[in-house]
Amino acid sequence: MNKIISLCQRLSQAAAMIGGVILLLTSLLITIEVVLRKVFTISMGGADEISSYALAISCSFSFAFALFQKAHIRIDVLYNKCPEFIKHILDMLSMALLGVYMTVLSYYGFRVFLISFLKGSTANTPLHTPLWIPQLIWIIGLWGFAISIGVILFSSIFSFIKKDLTTVQILSGATTLKEEIEKETVVSDISGLKACGGEK
């Protein structure tokens, strides 16, 4: 199970990097479009359409990475006041509910893709983009997110049954205040080292 989790983590990191590259290329495209319009009063056309596809795809590609990094927002006002055992139950319950939501979203997203593919739907824009292409790439990101949720959930349940509560906390638990402080400390130390190197 640890190998599967490790594989999902590596794949999610690669997907997030791909999403970042997509956003970077899109920002360059928009920059070129703005310069062409301002200086030469011409337009390549389609930059706004491509940027909307890029935003949707990069978001879906980064969901799984955010899950493994515990970057998704959690409301923990009451959570922090619960006993540890109840916290673990709530952690697995929240992961299960997120899994249900993503399963429904992925299902209907796939239906939208399938209809676009079967009907040969194209965007009502100058590019006439076949809609199934960006929709399929977007769906792949959602599927990756859903699979990652399932892997984490089943690993957490398995660890909970084995009474390995530490692993449950690592896999599906919310980020503790101590962990957040440690992360900020590491970032501050790295920034300080870079600053010192720059002064030299």
N, C-alpha and C. Protein backbone atom coordinates (compact mmCIF):
# COMPACT_ATOMS: atom_id res chain seq x y z
N MET A 1 0.83 -1.21 0.00
CA MET A 1 0.00 0.00 0.00
C MET A 1 0.86 1.26 0.00
N ASN A 2 1.98 1.21 0.73
CA ASN A 2 2.87 2.37 0.75
C ASN A 2 3.43 2.68 -0.64
N LYS A 3 3.69 1.63 -1.43
CA LYS A 3 4.20 1.84 -2.79
C LYS A 3 3.15 2.53 -3.66
N ILE A 4 1.89 2.16 -3.46
CA ILE A 4 0.80 2.77 -4.24
C ILE A 4 0.66 4.24 -3.87
N ILE A 5 0.73 4.53 -2.57
CA ILE A 5 0.63 5.92 -2.11
C ILE A 5 1.79 6.74 -2.66
N SER A 6 3.00 6.16 -2.60
CA SER A 6 4.18 6.84 -3.12
C SER A 6 4.04 7.11 -4.62
N LEU A 7 3.51 6.13 -5.36
CA LEU A 7 3.31 6.31 -6.79
C LEU A 7 2.30 7.41 -7.07
N CYS A 8 1.20 7.42 -6.31
CA CYS A 8 0.18 8.47 -6.47
C CYS A 8 0.76 9.85 -6.17
N GLN A 9 1.61 9.92 -5.16
CA GLN A 9 2.24 11.20 -4.81
C GLN A 9 3.12 11.70 -5.94
N ARG A 10 3.93 10.80 -6.51
CA ARG A 10 4.81 11.19 -7.61
C ARG A 10 4.01 11.63 -8.84
N LEU A 11 2.96 10.88 -9.14
CA LEU A 11 2.12 11.23 -10.28
C LEU A 11 1.41 12.56 -10.07
N SER A 12 0.95 12.79 -8.84
CA SER A 12 0.26 14.05 -8.54
C SER A 12 1.21 15.23 -8.65
N GLN A 13 2.46 15.02 -8.22
CA GLN A 13 3.46 16.08 -8.34
C GLN A 13 3.77 16.37 -9.81
N ALA A 14 3.88 15.32 -10.61
CA ALA A 14 4.14 15.51 -12.03
C ALA A 14 2.97 16.22 -12.71
N ALA A 15 1.74 15.84 -12.33
CA ALA A 15 0.56 16.49 -12.90
C ALA A 15 0.50 17.96 -12.52
N ALA A 16 0.85 18.27 -11.26
CA ALA A 16 0.85 19.67 -10.81
C ALA A 16 1.90 20.48 -11.57
N MET A 17 3.04 19.87 -11.85
CA MET A 17 4.07 20.56 -12.62
C MET A 17 3.61 20.81 -14.05
N ILE A 18 2.91 19.83 -14.63
CA ILE A 18 2.36 20.02 -15.97
C ILE A 18 1.34 21.17 -15.96
N GLY A 19 0.50 21.19 -14.92
CA GLY A 19 -0.46 22.28 -14.80
C GLY A 19 0.23 23.63 -14.68
N GLY A 20 1.34 23.67 -13.95
CA GLY A 20 2.10 24.91 -13.82
C GLY A 20 2.69 25.36 -15.14
N VAL A 21 3.20 24.41 -15.91
CA VAL A 21 3.76 24.73 -17.23
C VAL A 21 2.66 25.26 -18.15
N ILE A 22 1.48 24.64 -18.07
CA ILE A 22 0.34 25.10 -18.88
C ILE A 22 -0.01 26.54 -18.55
N LEU A 23 -0.05 26.86 -17.25
CA LEU A 23 -0.35 28.23 -16.84
C LEU A 23 0.73 29.21 -17.30
N LEU A 24 1.98 28.78 -17.21
CA LEU A 24 3.09 29.64 -17.65
C LEU A 24 2.98 29.94 -19.14
N LEU A 25 2.75 28.91 -19.94
CA LEU A 25 2.62 29.10 -21.38
C LEU A 25 1.41 29.97 -21.71
N THR A 26 0.33 29.79 -20.95
CA THR A 26 -0.86 30.60 -21.17
C THR A 26 -0.60 32.06 -20.86
N SER A 27 0.15 32.31 -19.77
CA SER A 27 0.47 33.70 -19.43
C SER A 27 1.34 34.35 -20.51
N LEU A 28 2.25 33.57 -21.08
CA LEU A 28 3.06 34.09 -22.20
C LEU A 28 2.19 34.40 -23.41
N LEU A 29 1.23 33.52 -23.68
CA LEU A 29 0.32 33.73 -24.80
C LEU A 29 -0.50 35.01 -24.60
N ILE A 30 -1.00 35.19 -23.39
CA ILE A 30 -1.79 36.40 -23.10
C ILE A 30 -0.92 37.65 -23.21
N THR A 31 0.32 37.56 -22.73
CA THR A 31 1.24 38.70 -22.83
C THR A 31 1.47 39.09 -24.29
N ILE A 32 1.70 38.08 -25.13
CA ILE A 32 1.90 38.34 -26.56
C ILE A 32 0.64 38.96 -27.17
N GLU A 33 -0.51 38.44 -26.77
CA GLU A 33 -1.77 38.95 -27.28
C GLU A 33 -1.97 40.42 -26.90
N VAL A 34 -1.65 40.76 -25.65
CA VAL A 34 -1.80 42.15 -25.18
C VAL A 34 -0.86 43.09 -25.94
N VAL A 35 0.40 42.65 -26.11
CA VAL A 35 1.38 43.47 -26.82
C VAL A 35 0.95 43.69 -28.27
N LEU A 36 0.48 42.62 -28.93
CA LEU A 36 0.04 42.74 -30.32
C LEU A 36 -1.13 43.71 -30.45
N ARG A 37 -2.05 43.63 -29.50
CA ARG A 37 -3.21 44.53 -29.56
C ARG A 37 -2.81 45.98 -29.29
N LYS A 38 -1.91 46.16 -28.33
CA LYS A 38 -1.53 47.52 -27.94
C LYS A 38 -0.63 48.18 -28.97
N VAL A 39 0.35 47.46 -29.45
CA VAL A 39 1.37 48.04 -30.34
C VAL A 39 0.96 47.99 -31.80
N PHE A 40 0.44 46.84 -32.23
CA PHE A 40 0.17 46.64 -33.66
C PHE A 40 -1.33 46.63 -33.99
N THR A 41 -2.16 46.76 -32.97
CA THR A 41 -3.64 46.72 -33.12
C THR A 41 -4.11 45.51 -33.93
N ILE A 42 -3.47 44.38 -33.65
CA ILE A 42 -3.91 43.12 -34.26
C ILE A 42 -4.10 42.09 -33.15
N SER A 43 -4.76 41.02 -33.48
CA SER A 43 -5.03 39.98 -32.48
C SER A 43 -4.82 38.61 -33.09
N MET A 44 -4.22 37.71 -32.31
CA MET A 44 -4.07 36.33 -32.76
C MET A 44 -5.42 35.61 -32.75
N GLY A 45 -6.28 36.02 -31.79
CA GLY A 45 -7.58 35.38 -31.67
C GLY A 45 -7.49 34.07 -30.91
N GLY A 46 -8.42 33.88 -29.98
CA GLY A 46 -8.49 32.61 -29.25
C GLY A 46 -7.71 32.56 -27.95
N ALA A 47 -7.01 33.65 -27.61
CA ALA A 47 -6.21 33.63 -26.38
C ALA A 47 -7.11 33.47 -25.16
N ASP A 48 -8.27 34.17 -25.17
CA ASP A 48 -9.18 34.07 -24.03
C ASP A 48 -9.78 32.67 -23.93
N GLU A 49 -10.07 32.07 -25.07
CA GLU A 49 -10.62 30.71 -25.05
C GLU A 49 -9.60 29.70 -24.54
N ILE A 50 -8.38 29.79 -25.05
CA ILE A 50 -7.32 28.87 -24.63
C ILE A 50 -7.02 29.04 -23.14
N SER A 51 -7.03 30.27 -22.66
CA SER A 51 -6.74 30.52 -21.23
C SER A 51 -7.80 29.91 -20.33
N SER A 52 -9.05 29.90 -20.79
CA SER A 52 -10.12 29.29 -19.98
C SER A 52 -9.93 27.77 -19.90
N TYR A 53 -9.54 27.15 -21.01
CA TYR A 53 -9.24 25.72 -20.98
C TYR A 53 -8.05 25.44 -20.07
N ALA A 54 -7.03 26.27 -20.20
CA ALA A 54 -5.80 26.07 -19.42
C ALA A 54 -6.08 26.17 -17.92
N LEU A 55 -6.93 27.13 -17.53
CA LEU A 55 -7.23 27.30 -16.11
C LEU A 55 -7.96 26.08 -15.56
N ALA A 56 -8.95 25.58 -16.30
CA ALA A 56 -9.70 24.41 -15.84
C ALA A 56 -8.80 23.18 -15.74
N ILE A 57 -7.96 22.98 -16.75
CA ILE A 57 -7.09 21.80 -16.77
C ILE A 57 -6.03 21.87 -15.67
N SER A 58 -5.40 23.03 -15.51
CA SER A 58 -4.35 23.17 -14.49
C SER A 58 -4.93 23.00 -13.09
N CYS A 59 -6.16 23.44 -12.88
CA CYS A 59 -6.81 23.25 -11.57
C CYS A 59 -7.04 21.77 -11.29
N SER A 60 -7.63 21.06 -12.26
CA SER A 60 -7.92 19.64 -12.03
C SER A 60 -6.64 18.83 -11.88
N PHE A 61 -5.57 19.25 -12.55
CA PHE A 61 -4.29 18.54 -12.45
C PHE A 61 -3.61 18.79 -11.10
N SER A 62 -3.98 19.84 -10.41
CA SER A 62 -3.31 20.18 -9.14
C SER A 62 -4.09 19.71 -7.91
N PHE A 63 -5.34 19.26 -8.09
CA PHE A 63 -6.16 18.86 -6.95
C PHE A 63 -5.51 17.74 -6.13
N ALA A 64 -5.01 16.70 -6.81
CA ALA A 64 -4.43 15.56 -6.09
C ALA A 64 -3.18 15.97 -5.33
N PHE A 65 -2.35 16.81 -5.95
CA PHE A 65 -1.13 17.27 -5.28
C PHE A 65 -1.50 18.08 -4.03
N ALA A 66 -2.51 18.93 -4.15
CA ALA A 66 -2.96 19.70 -2.98
C ALA A 66 -3.48 18.78 -1.89
N LEU A 67 -4.10 17.66 -2.28
CA LEU A 67 -4.60 16.70 -1.30
C LEU A 67 -3.46 16.08 -0.51
N PHE A 68 -2.41 15.65 -1.20
CA PHE A 68 -1.28 15.04 -0.52
C PHE A 68 -0.51 16.06 0.33
N GLN A 69 -0.54 17.33 -0.07
CA GLN A 69 0.12 18.38 0.70
C GLN A 69 -0.77 18.96 1.79
N LYS A 70 -2.01 18.45 1.88
CA LYS A 70 -3.00 18.93 2.85
C LYS A 70 -3.24 20.43 2.70
N ALA A 71 -3.33 20.85 1.45
CA ALA A 71 -3.49 22.28 1.16
C ALA A 71 -4.95 22.68 1.02
N HIS A 72 -5.86 21.71 0.98
CA HIS A 72 -7.27 22.05 0.89
C HIS A 72 -7.75 22.62 2.23
N ILE A 73 -8.64 23.59 2.15
CA ILE A 73 -9.10 24.28 3.35
C ILE A 73 -9.99 23.37 4.18
N ARG A 74 -9.76 23.37 5.50
CA ARG A 74 -10.62 22.65 6.44
C ARG A 74 -11.05 23.60 7.55
N ILE A 75 -12.31 23.49 7.94
CA ILE A 75 -12.82 24.26 9.07
C ILE A 75 -12.63 23.41 10.31
N ASP A 76 -11.70 23.79 11.17
CA ASP A 76 -11.33 22.92 12.29
C ASP A 76 -11.62 23.54 13.67
N VAL A 77 -12.62 24.42 13.73
CA VAL A 77 -12.94 25.06 15.01
C VAL A 77 -13.36 24.01 16.04
N LEU A 78 -14.30 23.14 15.67
CA LEU A 78 -14.76 22.08 16.58
C LEU A 78 -13.84 20.86 16.52
N TYR A 79 -13.22 20.66 15.36
CA TYR A 79 -12.34 19.50 15.16
C TYR A 79 -11.22 19.48 16.20
N ASN A 80 -10.61 20.62 16.44
CA ASN A 80 -9.48 20.68 17.38
C ASN A 80 -9.88 20.41 18.83
N LYS A 81 -11.17 20.50 19.12
CA LYS A 81 -11.63 20.27 20.49
C LYS A 81 -12.04 18.82 20.73
N CYS A 82 -12.01 18.01 19.68
CA CYS A 82 -12.43 16.61 19.79
C CYS A 82 -11.28 15.73 20.28
N PRO A 83 -11.61 14.60 20.92
CA PRO A 83 -10.58 13.62 21.28
C PRO A 83 -9.92 13.06 20.03
N GLU A 84 -8.71 12.53 20.17
CA GLU A 84 -7.94 12.05 19.03
C GLU A 84 -8.70 10.97 18.25
N PHE A 85 -9.36 10.08 18.96
CA PHE A 85 -10.09 8.99 18.30
C PHE A 85 -11.19 9.56 17.40
N ILE A 86 -11.92 10.54 17.90
CA ILE A 86 -13.00 11.17 17.12
C ILE A 86 -12.41 11.93 15.93
N LYS A 87 -11.25 12.54 16.12
CA LYS A 87 -10.60 13.25 15.01
C LYS A 87 -10.32 12.31 13.85
N HIS A 88 -9.82 11.11 14.16
CA HIS A 88 -9.51 10.15 13.12
C HIS A 88 -10.78 9.71 12.38
N ILE A 89 -11.86 9.53 13.13
CA ILE A 89 -13.14 9.18 12.51
C ILE A 89 -13.59 10.30 11.57
N LEU A 90 -13.48 11.54 12.03
CA LEU A 90 -13.88 12.69 11.21
C LEU A 90 -12.98 12.83 9.98
N ASP A 91 -11.70 12.55 10.15
CA ASP A 91 -10.77 12.62 9.01
C ASP A 91 -11.19 11.64 7.91
N MET A 92 -11.49 10.41 8.31
CA MET A 92 -11.88 9.41 7.31
C MET A 92 -13.25 9.72 6.73
N LEU A 93 -14.14 10.26 7.57
CA LEU A 93 -15.47 10.63 7.07
C LEU A 93 -15.37 11.77 6.05
N SER A 94 -14.54 12.75 6.34
CA SER A 94 -14.37 13.87 5.40
C SER A 94 -13.77 13.38 4.09
N MET A 95 -12.83 12.44 4.17
CA MET A 95 -12.23 11.89 2.96
C MET A 95 -13.26 11.09 2.16
N ALA A 96 -14.12 10.36 2.87
CA ALA A 96 -15.17 9.58 2.21
C ALA A 96 -16.17 10.50 1.50
N LEU A 97 -16.58 11.58 2.17
CA LEU A 97 -17.53 12.52 1.58
C LEU A 97 -16.92 13.23 0.37
N LEU A 98 -15.63 13.57 0.49
CA LEU A 98 -14.94 14.18 -0.65
C LEU A 98 -14.89 13.20 -1.82
N GLY A 99 -14.68 11.92 -1.50
CA GLY A 99 -14.65 10.89 -2.53
C GLY A 99 -16.00 10.75 -3.22
N VAL A 100 -17.08 10.80 -2.44
CA VAL A 100 -18.43 10.72 -3.03
C VAL A 100 -18.66 11.90 -3.96
N TYR A 101 -18.28 13.10 -3.50
CA TYR A 101 -18.46 14.30 -4.32
C TYR A 101 -17.68 14.20 -5.63
N MET A 102 -16.42 13.75 -5.55
CA MET A 102 -15.59 13.67 -6.75
C MET A 102 -16.07 12.57 -7.68
N THR A 103 -16.64 11.48 -7.12
CA THR A 103 -17.18 10.43 -7.96
C THR A 103 -18.35 10.95 -8.79
N VAL A 104 -19.24 11.70 -8.14
CA VAL A 104 -20.39 12.28 -8.84
C VAL A 104 -19.92 13.29 -9.89
N LEU A 105 -18.97 14.16 -9.50
CA LEU A 105 -18.46 15.17 -10.43
C LEU A 105 -17.77 14.52 -11.62
N SER A 106 -16.97 13.49 -11.36
CA SER A 106 -16.27 12.81 -12.45
C SER A 106 -17.25 12.11 -13.39
N TYR A 107 -18.31 11.54 -12.82
CA TYR A 107 -19.30 10.84 -13.63
C TYR A 107 -20.00 11.80 -14.59
N TYR A 108 -20.47 12.92 -14.05
CA TYR A 108 -21.18 13.87 -14.91
C TYR A 108 -20.22 14.60 -15.85
N GLY A 109 -18.99 14.81 -15.40
CA GLY A 109 -17.99 15.38 -16.28
C GLY A 109 -17.71 14.47 -17.46
N PHE A 110 -17.66 13.16 -17.20
CA PHE A 110 -17.45 12.19 -18.27
C PHE A 110 -18.63 12.17 -19.23
N ARG A 111 -19.84 12.33 -18.70
CA ARG A 111 -21.02 12.37 -19.56
C ARG A 111 -20.97 13.58 -20.50
N VAL A 112 -20.53 14.72 -19.96
CA VAL A 112 -20.40 15.92 -20.79
C VAL A 112 -19.39 15.67 -21.91
N PHE A 113 -18.24 15.07 -21.55
CA PHE A 113 -17.22 14.74 -22.55
C PHE A 113 -17.77 13.79 -23.60
N LEU A 114 -18.49 12.75 -23.16
CA LEU A 114 -18.99 11.74 -24.08
C LEU A 114 -20.00 12.33 -25.06
N ILE A 115 -20.87 13.20 -24.56
CA ILE A 115 -21.86 13.85 -25.44
C ILE A 115 -21.15 14.73 -26.46
N SER A 116 -20.15 15.50 -26.00
CA SER A 116 -19.39 16.36 -26.92
C SER A 116 -18.69 15.53 -27.99
N PHE A 117 -18.13 14.39 -27.58
CA PHE A 117 -17.40 13.53 -28.52
C PHE A 117 -18.34 12.90 -29.55
N LEU A 118 -19.48 12.36 -29.06
CA LEU A 118 -20.40 11.68 -29.97
C LEU A 118 -21.08 12.65 -30.94
N LYS A 119 -21.35 13.86 -30.46
CA LYS A 119 -22.03 14.84 -31.31
C LYS A 119 -21.05 15.69 -32.12
N GLY A 120 -19.76 15.55 -31.82
CA GLY A 120 -18.77 16.35 -32.54
C GLY A 120 -18.91 17.84 -32.25
N SER A 121 -19.25 18.15 -31.00
CA SER A 121 -19.47 19.56 -30.63
C SER A 121 -18.18 20.36 -30.71
N THR A 122 -18.31 21.59 -31.19
CA THR A 122 -17.16 22.49 -31.26
C THR A 122 -17.51 23.80 -30.56
N ALA A 123 -16.48 24.52 -30.13
CA ALA A 123 -16.69 25.80 -29.47
C ALA A 123 -17.24 26.83 -30.44
N ASN A 124 -18.14 27.67 -29.94
CA ASN A 124 -18.72 28.72 -30.76
C ASN A 124 -17.77 29.93 -30.79
N THR A 125 -16.56 29.68 -31.29
CA THR A 125 -15.49 30.69 -31.32
C THR A 125 -14.77 30.59 -32.67
N PRO A 126 -13.91 31.56 -32.98
CA PRO A 126 -13.15 31.48 -34.25
C PRO A 126 -12.30 30.22 -34.37
N LEU A 127 -11.85 29.67 -33.22
CA LEU A 127 -11.00 28.47 -33.26
C LEU A 127 -11.79 27.20 -33.57
N HIS A 128 -13.08 27.21 -33.25
CA HIS A 128 -13.93 26.03 -33.44
C HIS A 128 -13.28 24.79 -32.81
N THR A 129 -12.81 24.94 -31.60
CA THR A 129 -12.13 23.84 -30.91
C THR A 129 -13.08 22.68 -30.65
N PRO A 130 -12.71 21.45 -31.03
CA PRO A 130 -13.53 20.29 -30.63
C PRO A 130 -13.55 20.20 -29.09
N LEU A 131 -14.74 20.35 -28.52
CA LEU A 131 -14.84 20.49 -27.06
C LEU A 131 -14.39 19.24 -26.31
N TRP A 132 -14.44 18.08 -26.96
CA TRP A 132 -14.09 16.86 -26.25
C TRP A 132 -12.60 16.83 -25.89
N ILE A 133 -11.76 17.57 -26.61
CA ILE A 133 -10.32 17.53 -26.32
C ILE A 133 -10.00 18.17 -24.98
N PRO A 134 -10.35 19.45 -24.74
CA PRO A 134 -10.07 20.01 -23.40
C PRO A 134 -10.87 19.32 -22.30
N GLN A 135 -12.08 18.86 -22.63
CA GLN A 135 -12.90 18.17 -21.62
C GLN A 135 -12.27 16.86 -21.18
N LEU A 136 -11.67 16.13 -22.13
CA LEU A 136 -11.03 14.86 -21.79
C LEU A 136 -9.82 15.09 -20.89
N ILE A 137 -9.01 16.10 -21.23
CA ILE A 137 -7.83 16.40 -20.41
C ILE A 137 -8.26 16.83 -19.02
N TRP A 138 -9.32 17.62 -18.94
CA TRP A 138 -9.86 18.06 -17.64
C TRP A 138 -10.35 16.86 -16.82
N ILE A 139 -11.04 15.92 -17.50
CA ILE A 139 -11.55 14.73 -16.82
C ILE A 139 -10.42 13.87 -16.28
N ILE A 140 -9.32 13.77 -17.01
CA ILE A 140 -8.18 12.97 -16.54
C ILE A 140 -7.68 13.50 -15.20
N GLY A 141 -7.63 14.82 -15.06
CA GLY A 141 -7.23 15.41 -13.78
C GLY A 141 -8.20 15.07 -12.66
N LEU A 142 -9.51 15.10 -12.97
CA LEU A 142 -10.51 14.76 -11.96
C LEU A 142 -10.42 13.29 -11.57
N TRP A 143 -10.20 12.42 -12.55
CA TRP A 143 -10.04 10.99 -12.25
C TRP A 143 -8.83 10.75 -11.35
N GLY A 144 -7.73 11.45 -11.65
CA GLY A 144 -6.54 11.30 -10.82
C GLY A 144 -6.81 11.72 -9.38
N PHE A 145 -7.58 12.80 -9.23
CA PHE A 145 -7.94 13.28 -7.90
C PHE A 145 -8.81 12.25 -7.17
N ALA A 146 -9.81 11.71 -7.88
CA ALA A 146 -10.71 10.73 -7.28
C ALA A 146 -9.95 9.46 -6.87
N ILE A 147 -9.05 9.01 -7.72
CA ILE A 147 -8.26 7.82 -7.40
C ILE A 147 -7.38 8.07 -6.18
N SER A 148 -6.78 9.25 -6.10
CA SER A 148 -5.93 9.59 -4.96
C SER A 148 -6.73 9.60 -3.66
N ILE A 149 -7.95 10.12 -3.73
CA ILE A 149 -8.83 10.12 -2.55
C ILE A 149 -9.10 8.68 -2.11
N GLY A 150 -9.41 7.81 -3.09
CA GLY A 150 -9.69 6.42 -2.77
C GLY A 150 -8.50 5.71 -2.13
N VAL A 151 -7.31 5.96 -2.67
CA VAL A 151 -6.10 5.34 -2.13
C VAL A 151 -5.86 5.79 -0.69
N ILE A 152 -5.98 7.09 -0.45
CA ILE A 152 -5.76 7.62 0.90
C ILE A 152 -6.83 7.10 1.86
N LEU A 153 -8.08 7.06 1.41
CA LEU A 153 -9.18 6.60 2.28
C LEU A 153 -9.00 5.15 2.68
N PHE A 154 -8.76 4.27 1.71
CA PHE A 154 -8.62 2.85 2.02
C PHE A 154 -7.36 2.58 2.86
N SER A 155 -6.30 3.33 2.60
CA SER A 155 -5.09 3.18 3.41
C SER A 155 -5.34 3.64 4.84
N SER A 156 -6.12 4.70 5.00
CA SER A 156 -6.45 5.20 6.34
C SER A 156 -7.32 4.20 7.09
N ILE A 157 -8.32 3.64 6.40
CA ILE A 157 -9.19 2.66 7.05
C ILE A 157 -8.39 1.42 7.46
N PHE A 158 -7.53 0.95 6.56
CA PHE A 158 -6.69 -0.21 6.85
C PHE A 158 -5.80 0.06 8.07
N SER A 159 -5.19 1.26 8.11
CA SER A 159 -4.34 1.62 9.24
C SER A 159 -5.15 1.77 10.52
N PHE A 160 -6.36 2.28 10.40
CA PHE A 160 -7.23 2.44 11.57
C PHE A 160 -7.60 1.09 12.16
N ILE A 161 -7.90 0.13 11.29
CA ILE A 161 -8.23 -1.23 11.76
C ILE A 161 -7.03 -1.84 12.47
N LYS A 162 -5.83 -1.55 11.96
CA LYS A 162 -4.61 -2.07 12.59
C LYS A 162 -4.21 -1.25 13.82
N LYS A 163 -5.01 -0.22 14.13
CA LYS A 163 -4.76 0.68 15.26
C LYS A 163 -3.47 1.47 15.09
N ASP A 164 -3.11 1.69 13.85
CA ASP A 164 -1.95 2.53 13.53
C ASP A 164 -2.46 3.96 13.32
N LEU A 165 -2.78 4.63 14.41
CA LEU A 165 -3.42 5.93 14.34
C LEU A 165 -2.47 7.02 13.84
N THR A 166 -1.19 6.82 14.03
CA THR A 166 -0.21 7.79 13.52
C THR A 166 -0.27 7.87 12.01
N THR A 167 -0.37 6.71 11.36
CA THR A 167 -0.47 6.68 9.90
C THR A 167 -1.76 7.32 9.42
N VAL A 168 -2.84 7.08 10.16
CA VAL A 168 -4.13 7.69 9.81
C VAL A 168 -4.01 9.21 9.83
N GLN A 169 -3.33 9.74 10.85
CA GLN A 169 -3.13 11.18 10.95
C GLN A 169 -2.28 11.70 9.79
N ILE A 170 -1.25 10.96 9.46
CA ILE A 170 -0.37 11.38 8.36
C ILE A 170 -1.11 11.38 7.03
N LEU A 171 -1.93 10.37 6.81
CA LEU A 171 -2.61 10.22 5.53
C LEU A 171 -3.78 11.17 5.35
N SER A 172 -4.69 11.19 6.31
CA SER A 172 -5.94 11.92 6.12
C SER A 172 -6.20 13.00 7.16
N GLY A 173 -5.33 13.12 8.13
CA GLY A 173 -5.55 14.12 9.18
C GLY A 173 -5.30 15.54 8.69
N ALA A 174 -5.94 16.47 9.37
CA ALA A 174 -5.73 17.88 9.06
C ALA A 174 -4.34 18.31 9.51
N THR A 175 -3.80 19.32 8.86
CA THR A 175 -2.49 19.84 9.25
C THR A 175 -2.57 20.46 10.63
N THR A 176 -1.69 20.03 11.52
CA THR A 176 -1.69 20.57 12.86
C THR A 176 -0.96 21.91 12.90
N LEU A 177 -1.18 22.65 13.98
CA LEU A 177 -0.51 23.94 14.14
C LEU A 177 1.00 23.76 14.17
N LYS A 178 1.46 22.69 14.80
CA LYS A 178 2.89 22.41 14.88
C LYS A 178 3.48 22.19 13.49
N GLU A 179 2.76 21.42 12.65
CA GLU A 179 3.23 21.15 11.29
C GLU A 179 3.28 22.43 10.46
N GLU A 180 2.29 23.30 10.63
CA GLU A 180 2.27 24.56 9.89
C GLU A 180 3.44 25.44 10.30
N ILE A 181 3.73 25.47 11.61
CA ILE A 181 4.86 26.26 12.10
C ILE A 181 6.17 25.72 11.55
N GLU A 182 6.30 24.38 11.52
CA GLU A 182 7.52 23.77 10.99
C GLU A 182 7.71 24.10 9.51
N LYS A 183 6.61 24.07 8.74
CA LYS A 183 6.69 24.41 7.31
C LYS A 183 7.13 25.85 7.12
N GLU A 184 6.53 26.75 7.89
CA GLU A 184 6.88 28.17 7.78
C GLU A 184 8.33 28.41 8.18
N THR A 185 8.79 27.65 9.18
CA THR A 185 10.17 27.78 9.63
C THR A 185 11.14 27.36 8.54
N VAL A 186 10.79 26.24 7.86
CA VAL A 186 11.65 25.75 6.77
C VAL A 186 11.70 26.76 5.64
N VAL A 187 10.54 27.32 5.28
CA VAL A 187 10.49 28.32 4.22
C VAL A 187 11.30 29.55 4.60
N SER A 188 11.20 29.98 5.86
CA SER A 188 11.95 31.14 6.33
C SER A 188 13.45 30.89 6.30
N ASP A 189 13.84 29.67 6.70
CA ASP A 189 15.27 29.32 6.69
C ASP A 189 15.82 29.32 5.27
N ILE A 190 15.04 28.75 4.33
CA ILE A 190 15.48 28.73 2.93
C ILE A 190 15.61 30.13 2.38
N SER A 191 14.63 30.97 2.69
CA SER A 191 14.66 32.36 2.22
C SER A 191 15.86 33.11 2.80
N GLY A 192 16.16 32.82 4.09
CA GLY A 192 17.30 33.45 4.72
C GLY A 192 18.62 33.02 4.10
N LEU A 193 18.72 31.72 3.78
CA LEU A 193 19.94 31.22 3.14
C LEU A 193 20.14 31.83 1.76
N LYS A 194 19.06 31.99 1.01
CA LYS A 194 19.15 32.59 -0.32
C LYS A 194 19.57 34.05 -0.21
N ALA A 195 19.03 34.73 0.80
CA ALA A 195 19.38 36.14 1.00
C ALA A 195 20.85 36.28 1.34
N CYS A 196 21.34 35.40 2.19
CA CYS A 196 22.76 35.45 2.55
C CYS A 196 23.65 35.16 1.34
N GLY A 197 23.23 34.20 0.55
CA GLY A 197 24.00 33.87 -0.65
C GLY A 197 24.01 35.01 -1.64
N GLY A 198 22.88 35.73 -1.71
CA GLY A 198 22.81 36.86 -2.62
C GLY A 198 23.70 37.98 -2.20
N GLU A 199 23.85 38.20 -0.88
CA GLU A 199 24.71 39.28 -0.40
C GLU A 199 26.16 39.00 -0.70
N LYS A 200 26.52 37.75 -0.69
CA LYS A 200 27.92 37.41 -0.97
C LYS A 200 28.24 37.68 -2.43
